[in-house]
Amino acid sequence: LPIIALTASAMLDVQYKAFDSGMNDYI
């Protein structure tokens, strides 16, 4: 199931944490 993170942060560690939790992408 595709899970897309919604984030107001541009920090790379936030994006990496989202991917590590199983998310596919972010917006």
mmCIF file of all heavy atoms, coordinates in Angstrom:
data_MODEL
# 
_entry.id   MODEL 
# 
loop_
_atom_site.group_PDB 
_atom_site.id 
_atom_site.type_symbol 
_atom_site.label_atom_id 
_atom_site.label_alt_id 
_atom_site.label_comp_id 
_atom_site.label_asym_id 
_atom_site.label_entity_id 
_atom_site.label_seq_id 
_atom_site.pdbx_PDB_ins_code 
_atom_site.Cartn_x 
_atom_site.Cartn_y 
_atom_site.Cartn_z 
_atom_site.occupancy 
_atom_site.B_iso_or_equiv 
_atom_site.pdbx_formal_charge 
_atom_site.auth_seq_id 
_atom_site.auth_comp_id 
_atom_site.auth_asym_id 
_atom_site.auth_atom_id 
_atom_site.pdbx_PDB_model_num 
ATOM 1   N N   . LEU A 1 1  ? 0.829  -1.199 0.000  1.00 0.00 ? 1  LEU A N   1 
ATOM 2   C CA  . LEU A 1 1  ? 0.000  0.000  0.000  1.00 0.00 ? 1  LEU A CA  1 
ATOM 3   C C   . LEU A 1 1  ? 0.871  1.259  0.000  1.00 0.00 ? 1  LEU A C   1 
ATOM 4   O O   . LEU A 1 1  ? 1.656  1.477  0.923  1.00 0.00 ? 1  LEU A O   1 
ATOM 5   C CB  . LEU A 1 1  ? -0.901 0.002  1.238  1.00 0.00 ? 1  LEU A CB  1 
ATOM 6   C CG  . LEU A 1 1  ? -1.804 1.224  1.439  1.00 0.00 ? 1  LEU A CG  1 
ATOM 7   C CD1 . LEU A 1 1  ? -2.830 1.328  0.326  1.00 0.00 ? 1  LEU A CD1 1 
ATOM 8   C CD2 . LEU A 1 1  ? -2.479 1.168  2.803  1.00 0.00 ? 1  LEU A CD2 1 
ATOM 9   N N   . PRO A 1 2  ? 0.776  2.113  -1.027 1.00 0.00 ? 2  PRO A N   1 
ATOM 10  C CA  . PRO A 1 2  ? 1.585  3.337  -1.055 1.00 0.00 ? 2  PRO A CA  1 
ATOM 11  C C   . PRO A 1 2  ? 1.209  4.276  0.088  1.00 0.00 ? 2  PRO A C   1 
ATOM 12  O O   . PRO A 1 2  ? 0.034  4.596  0.284  1.00 0.00 ? 2  PRO A O   1 
ATOM 13  C CB  . PRO A 1 2  ? 1.227  3.963  -2.412 1.00 0.00 ? 2  PRO A CB  1 
ATOM 14  C CG  . PRO A 1 2  ? 0.720  2.827  -3.251 1.00 0.00 ? 2  PRO A CG  1 
ATOM 15  C CD  . PRO A 1 2  ? 0.008  1.936  -2.282 1.00 0.00 ? 2  PRO A CD  1 
ATOM 16  N N   . ILE A 1 3  ? 2.216  4.699  0.848  1.00 0.00 ? 3  ILE A N   1 
ATOM 17  C CA  . ILE A 1 3  ? 2.015  5.652  1.942  1.00 0.00 ? 3  ILE A CA  1 
ATOM 18  C C   . ILE A 1 3  ? 2.896  6.866  1.669  1.00 0.00 ? 3  ILE A C   1 
ATOM 19  O O   . ILE A 1 3  ? 4.122  6.744  1.572  1.00 0.00 ? 3  ILE A O   1 
ATOM 20  C CB  . ILE A 1 3  ? 2.372  5.040  3.312  1.00 0.00 ? 3  ILE A CB  1 
ATOM 21  C CG1 . ILE A 1 3  ? 1.555  3.757  3.563  1.00 0.00 ? 3  ILE A CG1 1 
ATOM 22  C CG2 . ILE A 1 3  ? 2.125  6.051  4.421  1.00 0.00 ? 3  ILE A CG2 1 
ATOM 23  C CD1 . ILE A 1 3  ? 1.922  3.042  4.847  1.00 0.00 ? 3  ILE A CD1 1 
ATOM 24  N N   . ILE A 1 4  ? 2.264  8.028  1.532  1.00 0.00 ? 4  ILE A N   1 
ATOM 25  C CA  . ILE A 1 4  ? 2.979  9.255  1.198  1.00 0.00 ? 4  ILE A CA  1 
ATOM 26  C C   . ILE A 1 4  ? 3.010  10.159 2.428  1.00 0.00 ? 4  ILE A C   1 
ATOM 27  O O   . ILE A 1 4  ? 1.964  10.513 2.980  1.00 0.00 ? 4  ILE A O   1 
ATOM 28  C CB  . ILE A 1 4  ? 2.293  10.010 0.039  1.00 0.00 ? 4  ILE A CB  1 
ATOM 29  C CG1 . ILE A 1 4  ? 1.944  9.054  -1.109 1.00 0.00 ? 4  ILE A CG1 1 
ATOM 30  C CG2 . ILE A 1 4  ? 3.176  11.158 -0.448 1.00 0.00 ? 4  ILE A CG2 1 
ATOM 31  C CD1 . ILE A 1 4  ? 3.126  8.327  -1.697 1.00 0.00 ? 4  ILE A CD1 1 
ATOM 32  N N   . ALA A 1 5  ? 4.191  10.527 2.857  1.00 0.00 ? 5  ALA A N   1 
ATOM 33  C CA  . ALA A 1 5  ? 4.341  11.387 4.031  1.00 0.00 ? 5  ALA A CA  1 
ATOM 34  C C   . ALA A 1 5  ? 3.965  12.827 3.700  1.00 0.00 ? 5  ALA A C   1 
ATOM 35  O O   . ALA A 1 5  ? 4.276  13.335 2.614  1.00 0.00 ? 5  ALA A O   1 
ATOM 36  C CB  . ALA A 1 5  ? 5.781  11.330 4.536  1.00 0.00 ? 5  ALA A CB  1 
ATOM 37  N N   . LEU A 1 6  ? 3.272  13.472 4.625  1.00 0.00 ? 6  LEU A N   1 
ATOM 38  C CA  . LEU A 1 6  ? 2.975  14.898 4.522  1.00 0.00 ? 6  LEU A CA  1 
ATOM 39  C C   . LEU A 1 6  ? 3.865  15.612 5.532  1.00 0.00 ? 6  LEU A C   1 
ATOM 40  O O   . LEU A 1 6  ? 3.741  15.393 6.734  1.00 0.00 ? 6  LEU A O   1 
ATOM 41  C CB  . LEU A 1 6  ? 1.498  15.162 4.849  1.00 0.00 ? 6  LEU A CB  1 
ATOM 42  C CG  . LEU A 1 6  ? 0.459  14.423 3.996  1.00 0.00 ? 6  LEU A CG  1 
ATOM 43  C CD1 . LEU A 1 6  ? -0.940 14.697 4.523  1.00 0.00 ? 6  LEU A CD1 1 
ATOM 44  C CD2 . LEU A 1 6  ? 0.564  14.837 2.542  1.00 0.00 ? 6  LEU A CD2 1 
ATOM 45  N N   . THR A 1 7  ? 4.767  16.460 5.055  1.00 0.00 ? 7  THR A N   1 
ATOM 46  C CA  . THR A 1 7  ? 5.714  17.088 5.971  1.00 0.00 ? 7  THR A CA  1 
ATOM 47  C C   . THR A 1 7  ? 5.965  18.542 5.618  1.00 0.00 ? 7  THR A C   1 
ATOM 48  O O   . THR A 1 7  ? 6.030  18.903 4.443  1.00 0.00 ? 7  THR A O   1 
ATOM 49  C CB  . THR A 1 7  ? 7.055  16.329 5.985  1.00 0.00 ? 7  THR A CB  1 
ATOM 50  O OG1 . THR A 1 7  ? 8.003  17.044 6.777  1.00 0.00 ? 7  THR A OG1 1 
ATOM 51  C CG2 . THR A 1 7  ? 7.615  16.163 4.583  1.00 0.00 ? 7  THR A CG2 1 
ATOM 52  N N   . ALA A 1 8  ? 6.079  19.367 6.646  1.00 0.00 ? 8  ALA A N   1 
ATOM 53  C CA  . ALA A 1 8  ? 6.423  20.770 6.451  1.00 0.00 ? 8  ALA A CA  1 
ATOM 54  C C   . ALA A 1 8  ? 7.929  20.982 6.598  1.00 0.00 ? 8  ALA A C   1 
ATOM 55  O O   . ALA A 1 8  ? 8.419  22.091 6.473  1.00 0.00 ? 8  ALA A O   1 
ATOM 56  C CB  . ALA A 1 8  ? 5.683  21.639 7.469  1.00 0.00 ? 8  ALA A CB  1 
ATOM 57  N N   . SER A 1 9  ? 8.654  19.902 6.851  1.00 0.00 ? 9  SER A N   1 
ATOM 58  C CA  . SER A 1 9  ? 10.100 19.993 7.074  1.00 0.00 ? 9  SER A CA  1 
ATOM 59  C C   . SER A 1 9  ? 10.870 19.626 5.811  1.00 0.00 ? 9  SER A C   1 
ATOM 60  O O   . SER A 1 9  ? 10.524 18.678 5.116  1.00 0.00 ? 9  SER A O   1 
ATOM 61  C CB  . SER A 1 9  ? 10.523 19.056 8.213  1.00 0.00 ? 9  SER A CB  1 
ATOM 62  O OG  . SER A 1 9  ? 11.933 19.039 8.343  1.00 0.00 ? 9  SER A OG  1 
ATOM 63  N N   . ALA A 1 10 ? 11.921 20.402 5.547  1.00 0.00 ? 10 ALA A N   1 
ATOM 64  C CA  . ALA A 1 10 ? 12.786 20.101 4.408  1.00 0.00 ? 10 ALA A CA  1 
ATOM 65  C C   . ALA A 1 10 ? 14.040 19.349 4.861  1.00 0.00 ? 10 ALA A C   1 
ATOM 66  O O   . ALA A 1 10 ? 14.935 19.084 4.060  1.00 0.00 ? 10 ALA A O   1 
ATOM 67  C CB  . ALA A 1 10 ? 13.193 21.399 3.702  1.00 0.00 ? 10 ALA A CB  1 
ATOM 68  N N   . MET A 1 11 ? 14.108 19.001 6.136  1.00 0.00 ? 11 MET A N   1 
ATOM 69  C CA  . MET A 1 11 ? 15.285 18.336 6.682  1.00 0.00 ? 11 MET A CA  1 
ATOM 70  C C   . MET A 1 11 ? 15.393 16.913 6.152  1.00 0.00 ? 11 MET A C   1 
ATOM 71  O O   . MET A 1 11 ? 14.410 16.160 6.132  1.00 0.00 ? 11 MET A O   1 
ATOM 72  C CB  . MET A 1 11 ? 15.214 18.318 8.206  1.00 0.00 ? 11 MET A CB  1 
ATOM 73  C CG  . MET A 1 11 ? 15.080 19.693 8.833  1.00 0.00 ? 11 MET A CG  1 
ATOM 74  S SD  . MET A 1 11 ? 16.551 20.724 8.630  1.00 0.00 ? 11 MET A SD  1 
ATOM 75  C CE  . MET A 1 11 ? 17.660 19.949 9.797  1.00 0.00 ? 11 MET A CE  1 
ATOM 76  N N   . LEU A 1 12 ? 16.583 16.532 5.736  1.00 0.00 ? 12 LEU A N   1 
ATOM 77  C CA  . LEU A 1 12 ? 16.783 15.197 5.175  1.00 0.00 ? 12 LEU A CA  1 
ATOM 78  C C   . LEU A 1 12 ? 16.539 14.100 6.200  1.00 0.00 ? 12 LEU A C   1 
ATOM 79  O O   . LEU A 1 12 ? 16.061 13.018 5.846  1.00 0.00 ? 12 LEU A O   1 
ATOM 80  C CB  . LEU A 1 12 ? 18.205 15.075 4.609  1.00 0.00 ? 12 LEU A CB  1 
ATOM 81  C CG  . LEU A 1 12 ? 18.472 15.797 3.280  1.00 0.00 ? 12 LEU A CG  1 
ATOM 82  C CD1 . LEU A 1 12 ? 19.942 15.675 2.903  1.00 0.00 ? 12 LEU A CD1 1 
ATOM 83  C CD2 . LEU A 1 12 ? 17.600 15.235 2.173  1.00 0.00 ? 12 LEU A CD2 1 
ATOM 84  N N   . ASP A 1 13 ? 16.860 14.361 7.472  1.00 0.00 ? 13 ASP A N   1 
ATOM 85  C CA  . ASP A 1 13 ? 16.670 13.319 8.474  1.00 0.00 ? 13 ASP A CA  1 
ATOM 86  C C   . ASP A 1 13 ? 15.192 12.982 8.652  1.00 0.00 ? 13 ASP A C   1 
ATOM 87  O O   . ASP A 1 13 ? 14.837 11.839 8.952  1.00 0.00 ? 13 ASP A O   1 
ATOM 88  C CB  . ASP A 1 13 ? 17.296 13.723 9.818  1.00 0.00 ? 13 ASP A CB  1 
ATOM 89  C CG  . ASP A 1 13 ? 16.700 15.004 10.381 1.00 0.00 ? 13 ASP A CG  1 
ATOM 90  O OD1 . ASP A 1 13 ? 16.182 15.809 9.585  1.00 0.00 ? 13 ASP A OD1 1 
ATOM 91  O OD2 . ASP A 1 13 ? 16.760 15.197 11.598 1.00 0.00 ? 13 ASP A OD2 1 
ATOM 92  N N   . VAL A 1 14 ? 14.317 13.970 8.444  1.00 0.00 ? 14 VAL A N   1 
ATOM 93  C CA  . VAL A 1 14 ? 12.875 13.715 8.511  1.00 0.00 ? 14 VAL A CA  1 
ATOM 94  C C   . VAL A 1 14 ? 12.451 12.816 7.362  1.00 0.00 ? 14 VAL A C   1 
ATOM 95  O O   . VAL A 1 14 ? 11.676 11.873 7.536  1.00 0.00 ? 14 VAL A O   1 
ATOM 96  C CB  . VAL A 1 14 ? 12.083 15.039 8.478  1.00 0.00 ? 14 VAL A CB  1 
ATOM 97  C CG1 . VAL A 1 14 ? 10.575 14.775 8.357  1.00 0.00 ? 14 VAL A CG1 1 
ATOM 98  C CG2 . VAL A 1 14 ? 12.380 15.860 9.725  1.00 0.00 ? 14 VAL A CG2 1 
ATOM 99  N N   . GLN A 1 15 ? 12.964 13.098 6.168  1.00 0.00 ? 15 GLN A N   1 
ATOM 100 C CA  . GLN A 1 15 ? 12.638 12.289 5.003  1.00 0.00 ? 15 GLN A CA  1 
ATOM 101 C C   . GLN A 1 15 ? 13.154 10.860 5.172  1.00 0.00 ? 15 GLN A C   1 
ATOM 102 O O   . GLN A 1 15 ? 12.439 9.896  4.872  1.00 0.00 ? 15 GLN A O   1 
ATOM 103 C CB  . GLN A 1 15 ? 13.223 12.927 3.749  1.00 0.00 ? 15 GLN A CB  1 
ATOM 104 C CG  . GLN A 1 15 ? 12.659 14.306 3.453  1.00 0.00 ? 15 GLN A CG  1 
ATOM 105 C CD  . GLN A 1 15 ? 13.389 15.017 2.326  1.00 0.00 ? 15 GLN A CD  1 
ATOM 106 O OE1 . GLN A 1 15 ? 14.056 14.383 1.518  1.00 0.00 ? 15 GLN A OE1 1 
ATOM 107 N NE2 . GLN A 1 15 ? 13.264 16.334 2.271  1.00 0.00 ? 15 GLN A NE2 1 
ATOM 108 N N   . TYR A 1 16 ? 14.378 10.714 5.657  1.00 0.00 ? 16 TYR A N   1 
ATOM 109 C CA  . TYR A 1 16 ? 14.957 9.381  5.863  1.00 0.00 ? 16 TYR A CA  1 
ATOM 110 C C   . TYR A 1 16 ? 14.156 8.604  6.906  1.00 0.00 ? 16 TYR A C   1 
ATOM 111 O O   . TYR A 1 16 ? 13.923 7.400  6.751  1.00 0.00 ? 16 TYR A O   1 
ATOM 112 C CB  . TYR A 1 16 ? 16.414 9.492  6.313  1.00 0.00 ? 16 TYR A CB  1 
ATOM 113 C CG  . TYR A 1 16 ? 17.352 10.030 5.250  1.00 0.00 ? 16 TYR A CG  1 
ATOM 114 C CD1 . TYR A 1 16 ? 18.482 10.771 5.596  1.00 0.00 ? 16 TYR A CD1 1 
ATOM 115 C CD2 . TYR A 1 16 ? 17.111 9.794  3.902  1.00 0.00 ? 16 TYR A CD2 1 
ATOM 116 C CE1 . TYR A 1 16 ? 19.337 11.268 4.622  1.00 0.00 ? 16 TYR A CE1 1 
ATOM 117 C CE2 . TYR A 1 16 ? 17.956 10.299 2.919  1.00 0.00 ? 16 TYR A CE2 1 
ATOM 118 C CZ  . TYR A 1 16 ? 19.069 11.028 3.290  1.00 0.00 ? 16 TYR A CZ  1 
ATOM 119 O OH  . TYR A 1 16 ? 19.914 11.516 2.335  1.00 0.00 ? 16 TYR A OH  1 
ATOM 120 N N   . LYS A 1 17 ? 13.725 9.293  7.960  1.00 0.00 ? 17 LYS A N   1 
ATOM 121 C CA  . LYS A 1 17 ? 12.951 8.634  9.006  1.00 0.00 ? 17 LYS A CA  1 
ATOM 122 C C   . LYS A 1 17 ? 11.611 8.155  8.449  1.00 0.00 ? 17 LYS A C   1 
ATOM 123 O O   . LYS A 1 17 ? 11.120 7.080  8.812  1.00 0.00 ? 17 LYS A O   1 
ATOM 124 C CB  . LYS A 1 17 ? 12.728 9.593  10.176 1.00 0.00 ? 17 LYS A CB  1 
ATOM 125 C CG  . LYS A 1 17 ? 12.051 8.945  11.381 1.00 0.00 ? 17 LYS A CG  1 
ATOM 126 C CD  . LYS A 1 17 ? 11.928 9.931  12.544 1.00 0.00 ? 17 LYS A CD  1 
ATOM 127 C CE  . LYS A 1 17 ? 11.201 9.290  13.727 1.00 0.00 ? 17 LYS A CE  1 
ATOM 128 N NZ  . LYS A 1 17 ? 11.056 10.248 14.861 1.00 0.00 ? 17 LYS A NZ  1 
ATOM 129 N N   . ALA A 1 18 ? 11.022 8.955  7.553  1.00 0.00 ? 18 ALA A N   1 
ATOM 130 C CA  . ALA A 1 18 ? 9.757  8.567  6.923  1.00 0.00 ? 18 ALA A CA  1 
ATOM 131 C C   . ALA A 1 18 ? 9.946  7.306  6.092  1.00 0.00 ? 18 ALA A C   1 
ATOM 132 O O   . ALA A 1 18 ? 9.129  6.374  6.144  1.00 0.00 ? 18 ALA A O   1 
ATOM 133 C CB  . ALA A 1 18 ? 9.226  9.707  6.059  1.00 0.00 ? 18 ALA A CB  1 
ATOM 134 N N   . PHE A 1 19 ? 11.022 7.252  5.326  1.00 0.00 ? 19 PHE A N   1 
ATOM 135 C CA  . PHE A 1 19 ? 11.302 6.062  4.510  1.00 0.00 ? 19 PHE A CA  1 
ATOM 136 C C   . PHE A 1 19 ? 11.576 4.844  5.397  1.00 0.00 ? 19 PHE A C   1 
ATOM 137 O O   . PHE A 1 19 ? 11.131 3.734  5.099  1.00 0.00 ? 19 PHE A O   1 
ATOM 138 C CB  . PHE A 1 19 ? 12.483 6.313  3.577  1.00 0.00 ? 19 PHE A CB  1 
ATOM 139 C CG  . PHE A 1 19 ? 12.207 7.348  2.513  1.00 0.00 ? 19 PHE A CG  1 
ATOM 140 C CD1 . PHE A 1 19 ? 13.188 8.247  2.127  1.00 0.00 ? 19 PHE A CD1 1 
ATOM 141 C CD2 . PHE A 1 19 ? 10.954 7.425  1.910  1.00 0.00 ? 19 PHE A CD2 1 
ATOM 142 C CE1 . PHE A 1 19 ? 12.930 9.202  1.150  1.00 0.00 ? 19 PHE A CE1 1 
ATOM 143 C CE2 . PHE A 1 19 ? 10.690 8.382  0.931  1.00 0.00 ? 19 PHE A CE2 1 
ATOM 144 C CZ  . PHE A 1 19 ? 11.686 9.283  0.550  1.00 0.00 ? 19 PHE A CZ  1 
ATOM 145 N N   . ASP A 1 20 ? 12.310 5.054  6.474  1.00 0.00 ? 20 ASP A N   1 
ATOM 146 C CA  . ASP A 1 20 ? 12.632 3.945  7.383  1.00 0.00 ? 20 ASP A CA  1 
ATOM 147 C C   . ASP A 1 20 ? 11.381 3.369  8.044  1.00 0.00 ? 20 ASP A C   1 
ATOM 148 O O   . ASP A 1 20 ? 11.346 2.185  8.397  1.00 0.00 ? 20 ASP A O   1 
ATOM 149 C CB  . ASP A 1 20 ? 13.610 4.418  8.477  1.00 0.00 ? 20 ASP A CB  1 
ATOM 150 C CG  . ASP A 1 20 ? 15.016 4.655  7.942  1.00 0.00 ? 20 ASP A CG  1 
ATOM 151 O OD1 . ASP A 1 20 ? 15.321 4.139  6.846  1.00 0.00 ? 20 ASP A OD1 1 
ATOM 152 O OD2 . ASP A 1 20 ? 15.798 5.354  8.600  1.00 0.00 ? 20 ASP A OD2 1 
ATOM 153 N N   . SER A 1 21 ? 10.362 4.194  8.212  1.00 0.00 ? 21 SER A N   1 
ATOM 154 C CA  . SER A 1 21 ? 9.126  3.725  8.841  1.00 0.00 ? 21 SER A CA  1 
ATOM 155 C C   . SER A 1 21 ? 8.215  2.989  7.859  1.00 0.00 ? 21 SER A C   1 
ATOM 156 O O   . SER A 1 21 ? 7.180  2.460  8.261  1.00 0.00 ? 21 SER A O   1 
ATOM 157 C CB  . SER A 1 21 ? 8.367  4.895  9.470  1.00 0.00 ? 21 SER A CB  1 
ATOM 158 O OG  . SER A 1 21 ? 7.865  5.768  8.467  1.00 0.00 ? 21 SER A OG  1 
ATOM 159 N N   . GLY A 1 22 ? 8.621  2.974  6.580  1.00 0.00 ? 22 GLY A N   1 
ATOM 160 C CA  . GLY A 1 22 ? 7.849  2.228  5.594  1.00 0.00 ? 22 GLY A CA  1 
ATOM 161 C C   . GLY A 1 22 ? 7.120  3.075  4.575  1.00 0.00 ? 22 GLY A C   1 
ATOM 162 O O   . GLY A 1 22 ? 6.377  2.548  3.742  1.00 0.00 ? 22 GLY A O   1 
ATOM 163 N N   . MET A 1 23 ? 7.321  4.382  4.602  1.00 0.00 ? 23 MET A N   1 
ATOM 164 C CA  . MET A 1 23 ? 6.643  5.242  3.634  1.00 0.00 ? 23 MET A CA  1 
ATOM 165 C C   . MET A 1 23 ? 7.362  5.208  2.285  1.00 0.00 ? 23 MET A C   1 
ATOM 166 O O   . MET A 1 23 ? 8.576  5.008  2.210  1.00 0.00 ? 23 MET A O   1 
ATOM 167 C CB  . MET A 1 23 ? 6.551  6.673  4.165  1.00 0.00 ? 23 MET A CB  1 
ATOM 168 C CG  . MET A 1 23 ? 5.769  6.775  5.463  1.00 0.00 ? 23 MET A CG  1 
ATOM 169 S SD  . MET A 1 23 ? 5.428  8.471  5.965  1.00 0.00 ? 23 MET A SD  1 
ATOM 170 C CE  . MET A 1 23 ? 4.947  8.225  7.687  1.00 0.00 ? 23 MET A CE  1 
ATOM 171 N N   . ASN A 1 24 ? 6.598  5.429  1.213  1.00 0.00 ? 24 ASN A N   1 
ATOM 172 C CA  . ASN A 1 24 ? 7.141  5.334  -0.137 1.00 0.00 ? 24 ASN A CA  1 
ATOM 173 C C   . ASN A 1 24 ? 7.666  6.654  -0.678 1.00 0.00 ? 24 ASN A C   1 
ATOM 174 O O   . ASN A 1 24 ? 8.569  6.680  -1.516 1.00 0.00 ? 24 ASN A O   1 
ATOM 175 C CB  . ASN A 1 24 ? 6.064  4.829  -1.104 1.00 0.00 ? 24 ASN A CB  1 
ATOM 176 C CG  . ASN A 1 24 ? 5.490  3.491  -0.696 1.00 0.00 ? 24 ASN A CG  1 
ATOM 177 O OD1 . ASN A 1 24 ? 4.558  3.433  0.090  1.00 0.00 ? 24 ASN A OD1 1 
ATOM 178 N ND2 . ASN A 1 24 ? 6.049  2.418  -1.219 1.00 0.00 ? 24 ASN A ND2 1 
ATOM 179 N N   . ASP A 1 25 ? 7.081  7.748  -0.233 1.00 0.00 ? 25 ASP A N   1 
ATOM 180 C CA  . ASP A 1 25 ? 7.397  9.050  -0.822 1.00 0.00 ? 25 ASP A CA  1 
ATOM 181 C C   . ASP A 1 25 ? 6.945  10.126 0.155  1.00 0.00 ? 25 ASP A C   1 
ATOM 182 O O   . ASP A 1 25 ? 6.403  9.830  1.216  1.00 0.00 ? 25 ASP A O   1 
ATOM 183 C CB  . ASP A 1 25 ? 6.686  9.191  -2.168 1.00 0.00 ? 25 ASP A CB  1 
ATOM 184 C CG  . ASP A 1 25 ? 7.386  10.158 -3.119 1.00 0.00 ? 25 ASP A CG  1 
ATOM 185 O OD1 . ASP A 1 25 ? 8.159  11.006 -2.640 1.00 0.00 ? 25 ASP A OD1 1 
ATOM 186 O OD2 . ASP A 1 25 ? 7.151  10.068 -4.336 1.00 0.00 ? 25 ASP A OD2 1 
ATOM 187 N N   . TYR A 1 26 ? 7.157  11.380 -0.200 1.00 0.00 ? 26 TYR A N   1 
ATOM 188 C CA  . TYR A 1 26 ? 6.711  12.473 0.653  1.00 0.00 ? 26 TYR A CA  1 
ATOM 189 C C   . TYR A 1 26 ? 6.256  13.644 -0.212 1.00 0.00 ? 26 TYR A C   1 
ATOM 190 O O   . TYR A 1 26 ? 6.634  13.763 -1.375 1.00 0.00 ? 26 TYR A O   1 
ATOM 191 C CB  . TYR A 1 26 ? 7.814  12.923 1.609  1.00 0.00 ? 26 TYR A CB  1 
ATOM 192 C CG  . TYR A 1 26 ? 8.971  13.603 0.930  1.00 0.00 ? 26 TYR A CG  1 
ATOM 193 C CD1 . TYR A 1 26 ? 9.007  14.994 0.782  1.00 0.00 ? 26 TYR A CD1 1 
ATOM 194 C CD2 . TYR A 1 26 ? 10.035 12.867 0.420  1.00 0.00 ? 26 TYR A CD2 1 
ATOM 195 C CE1 . TYR A 1 26 ? 10.065 15.611 0.138  1.00 0.00 ? 26 TYR A CE1 1 
ATOM 196 C CE2 . TYR A 1 26 ? 11.096 13.482 -0.220 1.00 0.00 ? 26 TYR A CE2 1 
ATOM 197 C CZ  . TYR A 1 26 ? 11.110 14.847 -0.356 1.00 0.00 ? 26 TYR A CZ  1 
ATOM 198 O OH  . TYR A 1 26 ? 12.147 15.473 -0.996 1.00 0.00 ? 26 TYR A OH  1 
ATOM 199 N N   . ILE A 1 27 ? 5.423  14.481 0.367  1.00 0.00 ? 27 ILE A N   1 
ATOM 200 C CA  . ILE A 1 27 ? 4.991  15.711 -0.289 1.00 0.00 ? 27 ILE A CA  1 
ATOM 201 C C   . ILE A 1 27 ? 5.079  16.829 0.734  1.00 0.00 ? 27 ILE A C   1 
ATOM 202 O O   . ILE A 1 27 ? 4.746  16.644 1.909  1.00 0.00 ? 27 ILE A O   1 
ATOM 203 C CB  . ILE A 1 27 ? 3.553  15.557 -0.855 1.00 0.00 ? 27 ILE A CB  1 
ATOM 204 C CG1 . ILE A 1 27 ? 3.154  16.796 -1.659 1.00 0.00 ? 27 ILE A CG1 1 
ATOM 205 C CG2 . ILE A 1 27 ? 2.542  15.291 0.246  1.00 0.00 ? 27 ILE A CG2 1 
ATOM 206 C CD1 . ILE A 1 27 ? 1.863  16.600 -2.430 1.00 0.00 ? 27 ILE A CD1 1 
# 
